[in-house]
């Protein structure tokens, strides 16, 4: 399986990243470890998490996902064949991108992950209250100390990402090598707009989240009745179950039939084939579901299928 570079960091990943937001939440620890084993056995090597996962769950405080991954890393006894991606700034217990918070937060993440380094340490969201040079200097010190191999950003506007890259260049600091935007067949503006010019010019890796649009692009949710009792039912109903969404779903159905694959596989393969994208993030809560998603990395979409999918948004 061809690996793709994470910006200019020297790191490379397989074309699918496992989203660890489910670990210790909708996937219990035993299942999480089975999923991680299956993912690595399938030829993939990057797992994305954050210190805040899963603080939104009643009875949870945050740090659960990192802790599950840490116990898995310790049990398997090998570290170098897996890239661990985590994030700082969004956890209410340790918010923002001040130097003080970054220094404190990284120690917590390293302890929970039971490792001495984070492969890609990401700013989970922008922090307009903290000067960019303070943030980037703090990240730079982590890299020089060997606690992080590279840094990335998530949920930054193209303008703010560009400003950060200029600060890094002007001051000789480590730069954001990756960006995590929302991107799927329905939500295309963040990657295909102004951000694309920045990431292409600066050779920034793009690791999109929400590749299946809260499950809508699996094709399982087509009417309000399909959403009853579903965890993301409200999100799908509000954002995707509309005329535009149904047109995209119809094109996805046609594409899936044409290539003998599932809708989810086609939706992810379309993202992987996008010239601006390094690898999408996707989550699974069963080995069967994960096996389906991993199949997307081996699915080659014909040009005419991609063209029809591209056109569906404005059809």
Protein backbone atom coordinates (compact mmCIF):
# COMPACT_ATOMS: atom_id res chain seq x y z
CA UNK A 1 0.00 0.00 0.00
CA UNK A 2 1.44 3.35 -1.02
CA UNK A 3 2.14 5.73 1.84
CA UNK A 4 1.66 9.47 1.49
CA UNK A 5 3.84 12.22 2.98
CA UNK A 6 2.64 14.32 5.91
CA UNK A 7 3.68 17.67 4.52
CA UNK A 8 7.47 18.11 4.61
CA UNK A 9 7.80 16.36 7.97
CA UNK A 10 9.50 13.23 6.62
CA UNK A 11 6.64 11.15 8.06
CA UNK A 12 4.32 9.18 5.80
CA UNK A 13 1.04 7.37 6.32
CA UNK A 14 -1.23 4.88 4.60
CA UNK A 15 -4.24 6.53 2.89
CA UNK A 16 -6.68 6.02 5.80
CA UNK A 17 -6.37 7.27 9.38
CA UNK A 18 -8.28 5.62 12.24
CA UNK A 19 -10.32 8.18 14.19
CA UNK A 20 -9.90 7.41 17.88
CA UNK A 21 -12.85 9.46 19.11
CA UNK A 22 -14.77 6.19 19.60
CA UNK A 23 -12.21 4.55 21.91
CA UNK A 24 -13.51 4.05 25.44
CA UNK A 25 -16.89 5.42 24.38
CA UNK A 26 -18.91 3.72 21.63
CA UNK A 27 -16.16 1.09 21.42
CA UNK A 28 -15.19 -0.31 24.81
CA UNK A 29 -11.54 -1.01 25.61
CA UNK A 30 -11.53 -4.63 24.47
CA UNK A 31 -13.17 -3.75 21.17
CA UNK A 32 -10.91 -0.71 20.74
CA UNK A 33 -7.84 -2.92 21.04
CA UNK A 34 -9.30 -5.41 18.55
CA UNK A 35 -9.95 -2.57 16.13
CA UNK A 36 -6.42 -1.21 16.49
CA UNK A 37 -4.95 -4.67 15.93
CA UNK A 38 -7.09 -5.18 12.82
CA UNK A 39 -6.19 -1.74 11.48
CA UNK A 40 -2.45 -2.29 11.76
CA UNK A 41 -2.75 -5.87 10.47
CA UNK A 42 -4.57 -4.39 7.47
CA UNK A 43 -1.48 -2.39 6.50
CA UNK A 44 -2.41 0.97 8.02
CA UNK A 45 -0.27 2.94 10.45
CA UNK A 46 -1.84 6.19 11.69
CA UNK A 47 -4.24 6.68 14.62
CA UNK A 48 -5.72 10.09 15.38
CA UNK A 49 -6.97 11.10 18.81
CA UNK A 50 -7.13 14.15 21.12
CA UNK A 51 -6.83 14.91 24.81
CA UNK A 52 -10.47 16.02 24.87
CA UNK A 53 -11.84 12.63 23.70
CA UNK A 54 -14.36 11.73 25.24
CA UNK A 55 -15.07 14.55 27.68
CA UNK A 56 -18.56 15.13 26.21
CA UNK A 57 -19.81 11.74 27.45
CA UNK A 58 -21.60 11.71 30.83
CA UNK A 59 -19.28 10.23 33.42
CA UNK A 60 -16.16 10.85 31.30
CA UNK A 61 -13.62 13.59 31.94
CA UNK A 62 -11.43 13.53 28.81
CA UNK A 63 -8.28 11.59 28.12
CA UNK A 64 -10.14 8.30 27.75
CA UNK A 65 -9.17 7.70 24.12
CA UNK A 66 -5.49 8.44 24.69
CA UNK A 67 -5.48 6.12 27.70
CA UNK A 68 -7.02 3.26 25.68
CA UNK A 69 -4.41 3.74 22.95
CA UNK A 70 -1.63 3.91 25.55
CA UNK A 71 -2.58 0.59 27.09
CA UNK A 72 -2.73 -0.94 23.60
CA UNK A 73 0.73 0.41 22.74
CA UNK A 74 2.14 -0.99 25.97
CA UNK A 75 0.53 -4.40 25.48
CA UNK A 76 1.75 -4.83 21.89
CA UNK A 77 5.32 -3.90 22.82
CA UNK A 78 6.07 -2.10 19.55
CA UNK A 79 5.94 1.63 18.95
CA UNK A 80 7.82 2.46 15.77
CA UNK A 81 5.36 0.97 13.25
CA UNK A 82 2.47 3.17 14.41
CA UNK A 83 2.11 6.93 14.08
CA UNK A 84 0.18 8.48 16.94
CA UNK A 85 -1.56 11.76 16.15
CA UNK A 86 -3.11 13.71 19.02
CA UNK A 87 -4.29 17.23 19.70
CA UNK A 88 -4.32 20.05 22.25
CA UNK A 89 -6.46 23.17 22.81
CA UNK A 90 -10.09 22.00 22.85
CA UNK A 91 -10.28 20.22 26.22
CA UNK A 92 -11.99 22.48 28.78
CA UNK A 93 -9.59 21.11 31.41
CA UNK A 94 -6.60 22.36 29.38
CA UNK A 95 -7.84 24.88 26.83
CA UNK A 96 -6.01 27.02 24.34
CA UNK A 97 -2.59 27.28 22.75
CA UNK A 98 -0.61 29.23 25.32
CA UNK A 99 2.94 28.01 25.89
CA UNK A 100 2.05 27.13 29.47
CA UNK A 101 -0.89 24.99 28.39
CA UNK A 102 1.02 23.23 25.60
CA UNK A 103 3.86 22.32 27.98
CA UNK A 104 1.42 20.94 30.54
CA UNK A 105 -0.91 19.24 28.06
CA UNK A 106 1.81 17.35 26.20
CA UNK A 107 3.01 15.76 29.44
CA UNK A 108 -0.51 14.53 30.16
CA UNK A 109 -0.89 13.12 26.66
CA UNK A 110 2.50 11.39 26.78
CA UNK A 111 1.63 9.80 30.12
CA UNK A 112 -1.79 8.58 28.94
CA UNK A 113 -0.34 7.32 25.67
CA UNK A 114 2.51 5.61 27.56
CA UNK A 115 5.07 6.85 25.05
CA UNK A 116 8.00 9.24 25.01
CA UNK A 117 6.96 11.02 21.82
CA UNK A 118 3.93 12.04 19.76
CA UNK A 119 4.39 11.66 16.02
CA UNK A 120 2.07 14.51 15.03
CA UNK A 121 0.99 16.96 17.74
CA UNK A 122 -1.84 19.15 16.51
CA UNK A 123 -3.48 22.40 17.51
CA UNK A 124 -7.09 21.18 17.75
CA UNK A 125 -8.49 24.64 17.14
CA UNK A 126 -7.21 28.16 16.66
CA UNK A 127 -6.59 30.39 19.69
CA UNK A 128 -6.87 34.05 18.76
CA UNK A 129 -6.08 35.10 22.33
CA UNK A 130 -2.54 33.70 22.21
CA UNK A 131 0.15 35.22 19.96
CA UNK A 132 1.08 32.81 17.18
CA UNK A 133 4.79 33.13 17.88
CA UNK A 134 4.23 32.03 21.48
CA UNK A 135 2.34 28.93 20.31
CA UNK A 136 4.82 28.02 17.60
CA UNK A 137 7.83 28.60 19.83
CA UNK A 138 6.30 26.21 22.37
CA UNK A 139 5.69 23.56 19.70
CA UNK A 140 9.21 24.09 18.35
CA UNK A 141 10.68 23.41 21.79
CA UNK A 142 8.72 20.15 21.99
CA UNK A 143 10.19 19.00 18.68
CA UNK A 144 13.73 19.92 19.75
CA UNK A 145 13.16 18.02 23.00
CA UNK A 146 12.02 14.95 21.08
CA UNK A 147 8.52 14.99 22.56
CA UNK A 148 6.91 15.59 19.15
CA UNK A 149 8.18 14.70 15.70
CA UNK A 150 5.99 17.15 13.79
CA UNK A 151 3.11 19.57 14.39
CA UNK A 152 -0.18 20.15 12.62
CA UNK A 153 -3.31 22.29 12.82
CA UNK A 154 -7.03 21.56 12.87
CA UNK A 155 -10.00 23.84 12.22
CA UNK A 156 -7.83 26.80 11.17
CA UNK A 157 -9.06 29.19 8.49
CA UNK A 158 -6.86 29.47 5.38
CA UNK A 159 -5.86 32.97 6.46
CA UNK A 160 -4.79 31.94 9.94
CA UNK A 161 -2.92 28.90 8.62
CA UNK A 162 -1.08 31.17 6.19
CA UNK A 163 -0.20 33.58 9.01
CA UNK A 164 1.15 30.73 11.13
CA UNK A 165 3.29 29.45 8.26
CA UNK A 166 4.74 32.95 7.80
CA UNK A 167 5.59 33.24 11.49
CA UNK A 168 7.36 29.88 11.35
CA UNK A 169 9.30 30.88 8.24
CA UNK A 170 10.25 34.32 9.57
CA UNK A 171 11.40 33.02 12.96
CA UNK A 172 12.92 29.72 11.88
CA UNK A 173 10.39 27.71 13.88
CA UNK A 174 8.76 24.35 13.23
CA UNK A 175 5.72 24.82 11.00
CA UNK A 176 2.34 23.18 10.80
CA UNK A 177 2.85 20.29 8.38
CA UNK A 178 -0.80 19.23 8.25
CA UNK A 179 -4.33 20.61 8.50
CA UNK A 180 -7.54 18.83 9.50
CA UNK A 181 -10.61 20.31 7.79
CA UNK A 182 -14.14 18.95 7.40
CA UNK A 183 -14.44 17.35 3.97
CA UNK A 184 -16.75 14.88 2.27
CA UNK A 185 -18.93 14.64 -0.83
CA UNK A 186 -21.39 17.08 0.74
CA UNK A 187 -19.06 19.43 2.65
CA UNK A 188 -16.46 20.44 0.08
CA UNK A 189 -15.92 24.15 0.67
CA UNK A 190 -13.20 23.94 3.32
CA UNK A 191 -10.79 21.93 1.15
CA UNK A 192 -11.73 23.12 -2.32
CA UNK A 193 -11.81 26.82 -1.49
CA UNK A 194 -9.04 29.14 -0.34
CA UNK A 195 -7.42 26.44 1.78
CA UNK A 196 -6.42 24.47 -1.31
CA UNK A 197 -4.21 27.30 -2.54
CA UNK A 198 -2.32 27.36 0.78
CA UNK A 199 -1.93 23.60 1.18
CA UNK A 200 -0.82 23.12 -2.43
CA UNK A 201 1.68 25.98 -2.43
CA UNK A 202 3.15 25.10 0.96
CA UNK A 203 2.95 21.30 0.58
CA UNK A 204 0.74 20.89 3.64
CA UNK A 205 -0.76 17.47 4.32
CA UNK A 206 -4.57 17.42 4.41
CA UNK A 207 -6.19 14.94 6.83
CA UNK A 208 -9.95 15.51 6.57
CA UNK A 209 -12.46 14.50 9.20
CA UNK A 210 -16.21 13.82 8.78
CA UNK A 211 -15.56 11.81 5.62
CA UNK A 212 -18.89 9.96 5.91
CA UNK A 213 -20.90 13.04 6.98
CA UNK A 214 -22.01 11.63 10.35
CA UNK A 215 -22.91 8.35 8.64
CA UNK A 216 -25.15 9.91 6.00
CA UNK A 217 -22.85 8.82 3.17
CA UNK A 218 -23.13 5.17 4.18
CA UNK A 219 -26.57 5.29 2.58
CA UNK A 220 -28.29 4.03 5.72
CA UNK A 221 -30.26 7.22 6.39
CA UNK A 222 -32.70 8.26 3.69
CA UNK A 223 -35.85 9.27 5.58
CA UNK A 224 -36.55 10.80 9.01
CA UNK A 225 -37.74 7.37 10.17
CA UNK A 226 -34.27 5.95 9.50
CA UNK A 227 -32.82 8.38 12.02
CA UNK A 228 -35.02 7.55 14.99
CA UNK A 229 -32.97 6.51 17.99
CA UNK A 230 -29.64 7.08 16.21
CA UNK A 231 -26.84 8.88 18.06
CA UNK A 232 -26.20 11.25 15.16
CA UNK A 233 -29.76 11.36 13.92
CA UNK A 234 -30.26 15.02 14.76
CA UNK A 235 -27.05 16.03 12.98
CA UNK A 236 -27.93 14.09 9.83
CA UNK A 237 -31.48 15.47 9.79
CA UNK A 238 -30.26 19.05 10.23
CA UNK A 239 -27.28 19.04 7.88
CA UNK A 240 -27.67 16.35 5.22
CA UNK A 241 -31.19 15.00 4.76
CA UNK A 242 -32.22 17.61 2.19
CA UNK A 243 -32.51 17.82 -1.61
CA UNK A 244 -28.77 18.38 -2.10
CA UNK A 245 -27.95 15.45 0.16
CA UNK A 246 -30.37 13.14 -1.59
CA UNK A 247 -28.90 14.04 -5.01
CA UNK A 248 -25.44 13.20 -3.73
CA UNK A 249 -26.76 9.96 -2.26
CA UNK A 250 -28.32 9.01 -5.60
CA UNK A 251 -24.98 9.58 -7.35
CA UNK A 252 -23.26 7.57 -4.63
CA UNK A 253 -25.71 4.70 -5.13
CA UNK A 254 -24.98 4.70 -8.85
CA UNK A 255 -21.21 4.81 -8.26
CA UNK A 256 -21.35 1.98 -5.71
CA UNK A 257 -23.22 -0.21 -8.16
CA UNK A 258 -20.78 0.64 -10.97
CA UNK A 259 -17.70 -0.43 -8.99
CA UNK A 260 -19.32 -3.19 -6.90
CA UNK A 261 -18.53 -1.51 -3.59
CA UNK A 262 -20.46 -0.08 -0.67
CA UNK A 263 -21.48 3.57 -0.48
CA UNK A 264 -19.11 4.13 2.43
CA UNK A 265 -16.19 2.69 0.49
CA UNK A 266 -16.94 4.89 -2.51
CA UNK A 267 -17.34 8.00 -0.34
CA UNK A 268 -13.94 7.44 1.28
CA UNK A 269 -12.25 6.38 -1.97
CA UNK A 270 -13.46 9.62 -3.55
CA UNK A 271 -11.73 11.59 -0.77
CA UNK A 272 -8.54 9.52 -1.11
CA UNK A 273 -8.48 10.21 -4.86
CA UNK A 274 -8.77 13.97 -4.35
CA UNK A 275 -5.48 15.61 -5.39
CA UNK A 276 -5.38 17.84 -2.30
CA UNK A 277 -5.93 15.09 0.27
CA UNK A 278 -3.35 13.02 2.13
CA UNK A 279 -5.72 10.66 3.97
CA UNK A 280 -9.20 10.91 5.48
CA UNK A 281 -9.99 10.03 9.08
CA UNK A 282 -12.70 7.45 9.67
CA UNK A 283 -13.96 5.62 12.75
CA UNK A 284 -15.48 2.19 13.27
CA UNK A 285 -16.99 0.41 16.25
CA UNK A 286 -16.81 -3.18 14.97
CA UNK A 287 -14.17 -5.16 13.10
CA UNK A 288 -16.69 -5.81 10.31
CA UNK A 289 -17.31 -2.11 9.88
CA UNK A 290 -13.57 -1.39 9.94
CA UNK A 291 -12.89 -4.05 7.32
CA UNK A 292 -15.39 -2.35 5.04
CA UNK A 293 -13.76 1.04 5.53
CA UNK A 294 -10.25 -0.31 4.96
CA UNK A 295 -11.47 -1.69 1.64
CA UNK A 296 -11.83 1.89 0.41
CA UNK A 297 -8.04 2.23 0.28
CA UNK A 298 -7.88 -0.54 -2.30
CA UNK A 299 -10.73 0.79 -4.42
CA UNK A 300 -9.75 2.65 -7.57
CA UNK A 301 -12.57 4.81 -8.90
CA UNK A 302 -12.70 5.26 -12.69
CA UNK A 303 -12.43 8.85 -13.90
CA UNK A 304 -16.03 8.86 -15.13
CA UNK A 305 -17.31 7.77 -11.73
CA UNK A 306 -15.33 10.54 -10.01
CA UNK A 307 -16.68 13.05 -12.52
CA UNK A 308 -20.28 12.06 -11.79
CA UNK A 309 -19.70 12.28 -8.06
CA UNK A 310 -18.08 15.69 -8.45
CA UNK A 311 -21.06 16.92 -10.43
CA UNK A 312 -23.66 15.64 -7.95
CA UNK A 313 -23.18 18.55 -5.52
CA UNK A 314 -24.47 21.05 -8.10
CA UNK A 315 -26.73 18.76 -10.13
